[in-house]
């Protein structure tokens, strides 16, 4: 990993359904103890149709190139105990040298 790791993470993947047929997250562990750099970027809050405001937190994560991650995987930060969702994985890479994967994360709270 080229970036300085700030934490280690566990990657969860999978979906299922509950007894009502609604989608639920399955916590199938893909990998654990992965060194990562997670830096929170912004917090945005706004109200939707309800009067209850929602806060959306965004972060950037970097992991070693070749790490098994996919869009919509969940990332558990082992240092803070927070769980993020992978929104986007940058596919732009240096053609000469393998660089870290750049990943956009979102947490809704």
C-alpha atoms as a PDB file:
ATOM      1  CA  UNK A   1       0.000   0.000   0.000  1.00  0.00           C
ATOM      2  CA  UNK A   2       1.391   3.370  -1.013  1.00  0.00           C
ATOM      3  CA  UNK A   3      -0.867   5.554   1.186  1.00  0.00           C
ATOM      4  CA  UNK A   4      -0.374   5.615   4.932  1.00  0.00           C
ATOM      5  CA  UNK A   5      -2.873   3.260   6.570  1.00  0.00           C
ATOM      6  CA  UNK A   6      -5.049   4.897   9.233  1.00  0.00           C
ATOM      7  CA  UNK A   7      -7.000   1.753  10.158  1.00  0.00           C
ATOM      8  CA  UNK A   8      -7.752  -1.828   9.250  1.00  0.00           C
ATOM      9  CA  UNK A   9     -11.069  -2.843   7.705  1.00  0.00           C
ATOM     10  CA  UNK A  10     -13.316  -5.846   7.173  1.00  0.00           C
ATOM     11  CA  UNK A  11     -15.162  -6.183   3.853  1.00  0.00           C
ATOM     12  CA  UNK A  12     -18.724  -7.573   3.920  1.00  0.00           C
ATOM     13  CA  UNK A  13     -20.692  -8.644   0.848  1.00  0.00           C
ATOM     14  CA  UNK A  14     -24.049 -10.169  -0.028  1.00  0.00           C
ATOM     15  CA  UNK A  15     -27.785  -9.603   0.086  1.00  0.00           C
ATOM     16  CA  UNK A  16     -30.703 -11.668   1.263  1.00  0.00           C
ATOM     17  CA  UNK A  17     -34.372 -11.201   2.082  1.00  0.00           C
ATOM     18  CA  UNK A  18     -36.240 -11.123   5.358  1.00  0.00           C
ATOM     19  CA  UNK A  19     -39.500 -12.894   6.191  1.00  0.00           C
ATOM     20  CA  UNK A  20     -41.456 -10.143   4.399  1.00  0.00           C
ATOM     21  CA  UNK A  21     -39.437 -10.365   1.191  1.00  0.00           C
ATOM     22  CA  UNK A  22     -37.585  -7.100   1.820  1.00  0.00           C
ATOM     23  CA  UNK A  23     -33.883  -6.964   0.908  1.00  0.00           C
ATOM     24  CA  UNK A  24     -31.400  -7.216   3.773  1.00  0.00           C
ATOM     25  CA  UNK A  25     -27.621  -7.080   3.972  1.00  0.00           C
ATOM     26  CA  UNK A  26     -25.827 -10.382   4.497  1.00  0.00           C
ATOM     27  CA  UNK A  27     -22.627 -10.143   6.469  1.00  0.00           C
ATOM     28  CA  UNK A  28     -20.515 -12.581   4.484  1.00  0.00           C
ATOM     29  CA  UNK A  29     -16.904 -11.705   5.258  1.00  0.00           C
ATOM     30  CA  UNK A  30     -14.810 -11.281   2.114  1.00  0.00           C
ATOM     31  CA  UNK A  31     -11.621 -10.178   3.881  1.00  0.00           C
ATOM     32  CA  UNK A  32     -10.575  -8.911   7.291  1.00  0.00           C
ATOM     33  CA  UNK A  33      -7.610  -6.989   8.708  1.00  0.00           C
ATOM     34  CA  UNK A  34      -6.990  -5.078   5.460  1.00  0.00           C
ATOM     35  CA  UNK A  35      -4.802  -1.974   5.955  1.00  0.00           C
ATOM     36  CA  UNK A  36      -6.685   1.080   4.657  1.00  0.00           C
ATOM     37  CA  UNK A  37      -6.660   4.844   4.696  1.00  0.00           C
ATOM     38  CA  UNK A  38     -10.098   6.357   5.382  1.00  0.00           C
ATOM     39  CA  UNK A  39     -10.455  10.131   5.338  1.00  0.00           C
ATOM     40  CA  UNK A  40     -13.869  11.691   5.869  1.00  0.00           C
ATOM     41  CA  UNK A  41     -14.567  14.374   3.268  1.00  0.00           C
ATOM     42  CA  UNK A  42     -17.941  16.016   3.858  1.00  0.00           C
ATOM     43  CA  UNK A  43     -21.118  15.861   5.882  1.00  0.00           C
ATOM     44  CA  UNK A  44     -24.302  17.065   4.203  1.00  0.00           C
ATOM     45  CA  UNK A  45     -27.658  17.334   5.900  1.00  0.00           C
ATOM     46  CA  UNK A  46     -31.042  18.109   4.398  1.00  0.00           C
ATOM     47  CA  UNK A  47     -34.642  17.264   4.913  1.00  0.00           C
ATOM     48  CA  UNK A  48     -36.630  15.131   2.560  1.00  0.00           C
ATOM     49  CA  UNK A  49     -40.400  14.938   2.605  1.00  0.00           C
ATOM     50  CA  UNK A  50     -40.364  14.418   6.357  1.00  0.00           C
ATOM     51  CA  UNK A  51     -39.336  17.000   8.930  1.00  0.00           C
ATOM     52  CA  UNK A  52     -36.517  14.765  10.159  1.00  0.00           C
ATOM     53  CA  UNK A  53     -33.154  15.907   8.726  1.00  0.00           C
ATOM     54  CA  UNK A  54     -30.759  13.284   7.393  1.00  0.00           C
ATOM     55  CA  UNK A  55     -26.986  13.552   7.589  1.00  0.00           C
ATOM     56  CA  UNK A  56     -24.976  11.956   4.784  1.00  0.00           C
ATOM     57  CA  UNK A  57     -21.295  11.413   5.491  1.00  0.00           C
ATOM     58  CA  UNK A  58     -18.820  10.838   2.657  1.00  0.00           C
ATOM     59  CA  UNK A  59     -15.275   9.521   2.853  1.00  0.00           C
ATOM     60  CA  UNK A  60     -12.416   8.455   0.610  1.00  0.00           C
ATOM     61  CA  UNK A  61     -10.704   5.132   1.194  1.00  0.00           C
ATOM     62  CA  UNK A  62      -7.499   3.770  -0.275  1.00  0.00           C
ATOM     63  CA  UNK A  63      -6.481   0.118  -0.185  1.00  0.00           C
ATOM     64  CA  UNK A  64      -3.786  -1.901  -1.897  1.00  0.00           C
ATOM     65  CA  UNK A  65      -4.349  -2.503  -5.602  1.00  0.00           C
ATOM     66  CA  UNK A  66      -5.815  -5.967  -6.125  1.00  0.00           C
ATOM     67  CA  UNK A  67      -7.938  -5.956  -2.946  1.00  0.00           C
ATOM     68  CA  UNK A  68     -11.240  -7.784  -3.543  1.00  0.00           C
ATOM     69  CA  UNK A  69     -13.803  -4.960  -3.270  1.00  0.00           C
ATOM     70  CA  UNK A  70     -16.971  -4.297  -5.268  1.00  0.00           C
ATOM     71  CA  UNK A  71     -19.550  -1.550  -5.459  1.00  0.00           C
ATOM     72  CA  UNK A  72     -22.190  -1.888  -2.685  1.00  0.00           C
ATOM     73  CA  UNK A  73     -19.844  -3.879  -0.431  1.00  0.00           C
ATOM     74  CA  UNK A  74     -19.842  -2.748   3.171  1.00  0.00           C
ATOM     75  CA  UNK A  75     -16.622  -1.670   4.884  1.00  0.00           C
ATOM     76  CA  UNK A  76     -16.331  -2.048   8.667  1.00  0.00           C
ATOM     77  CA  UNK A  77     -13.689   0.265  10.132  1.00  0.00           C
ATOM     78  CA  UNK A  78     -12.081  -1.841  12.865  1.00  0.00           C
ATOM     79  CA  UNK A  79     -10.674   1.235  14.639  1.00  0.00           C
ATOM     80  CA  UNK A  80     -13.850   3.345  14.914  1.00  0.00           C
ATOM     81  CA  UNK A  81     -16.531   0.650  14.634  1.00  0.00           C
ATOM     82  CA  UNK A  82     -18.296   2.479  11.788  1.00  0.00           C
ATOM     83  CA  UNK A  83     -19.686   0.738   8.719  1.00  0.00           C
ATOM     84  CA  UNK A  84     -19.545   2.436   5.317  1.00  0.00           C
ATOM     85  CA  UNK A  85     -21.004   1.481   1.931  1.00  0.00           C
ATOM     86  CA  UNK A  86     -18.820   1.493  -1.188  1.00  0.00           C
ATOM     87  CA  UNK A  87     -20.417   3.893  -3.675  1.00  0.00           C
ATOM     88  CA  UNK A  88     -17.746   3.958  -6.373  1.00  0.00           C
ATOM     89  CA  UNK A  89     -14.351   2.458  -7.121  1.00  0.00           C
ATOM     90  CA  UNK A  90     -12.009   4.475  -9.310  1.00  0.00           C
ATOM     91  CA  UNK A  91     -10.722   2.472 -12.248  1.00  0.00           C
ATOM     92  CA  UNK A  92      -8.108   5.047 -13.242  1.00  0.00           C
ATOM     93  CA  UNK A  93      -4.698   3.509 -12.714  1.00  0.00           C
ATOM     94  CA  UNK A  94      -1.139   4.496 -13.494  1.00  0.00           C
ATOM     95  CA  UNK A  95      -0.020   2.407 -16.507  1.00  0.00           C
ATOM     96  CA  UNK A  96       3.556   2.162 -15.184  1.00  0.00           C
ATOM     97  CA  UNK A  97       3.111   1.510 -11.474  1.00  0.00           C
ATOM     98  CA  UNK A  98       0.293  -0.161  -9.550  1.00  0.00           C
ATOM     99  CA  UNK A  99      -1.307   2.497  -7.348  1.00  0.00           C
ATOM    100  CA  UNK A 100      -3.772   2.173  -4.487  1.00  0.00           C
ATOM    101  CA  UNK A 101      -7.462   1.696  -5.267  1.00  0.00           C
ATOM    102  CA  UNK A 102      -9.406   4.909  -4.627  1.00  0.00           C
ATOM    103  CA  UNK A 103     -12.864   4.235  -3.246  1.00  0.00           C
ATOM    104  CA  UNK A 104     -15.766   6.571  -2.404  1.00  0.00           C
ATOM    105  CA  UNK A 105     -17.681   5.649   0.740  1.00  0.00           C
ATOM    106  CA  UNK A 106     -21.040   6.794   2.086  1.00  0.00           C
ATOM    107  CA  UNK A 107     -22.605   6.503   5.517  1.00  0.00           C
ATOM    108  CA  UNK A 108     -26.152   7.593   6.207  1.00  0.00           C
ATOM    109  CA  UNK A 109     -26.936   8.435   9.782  1.00  0.00           C
END
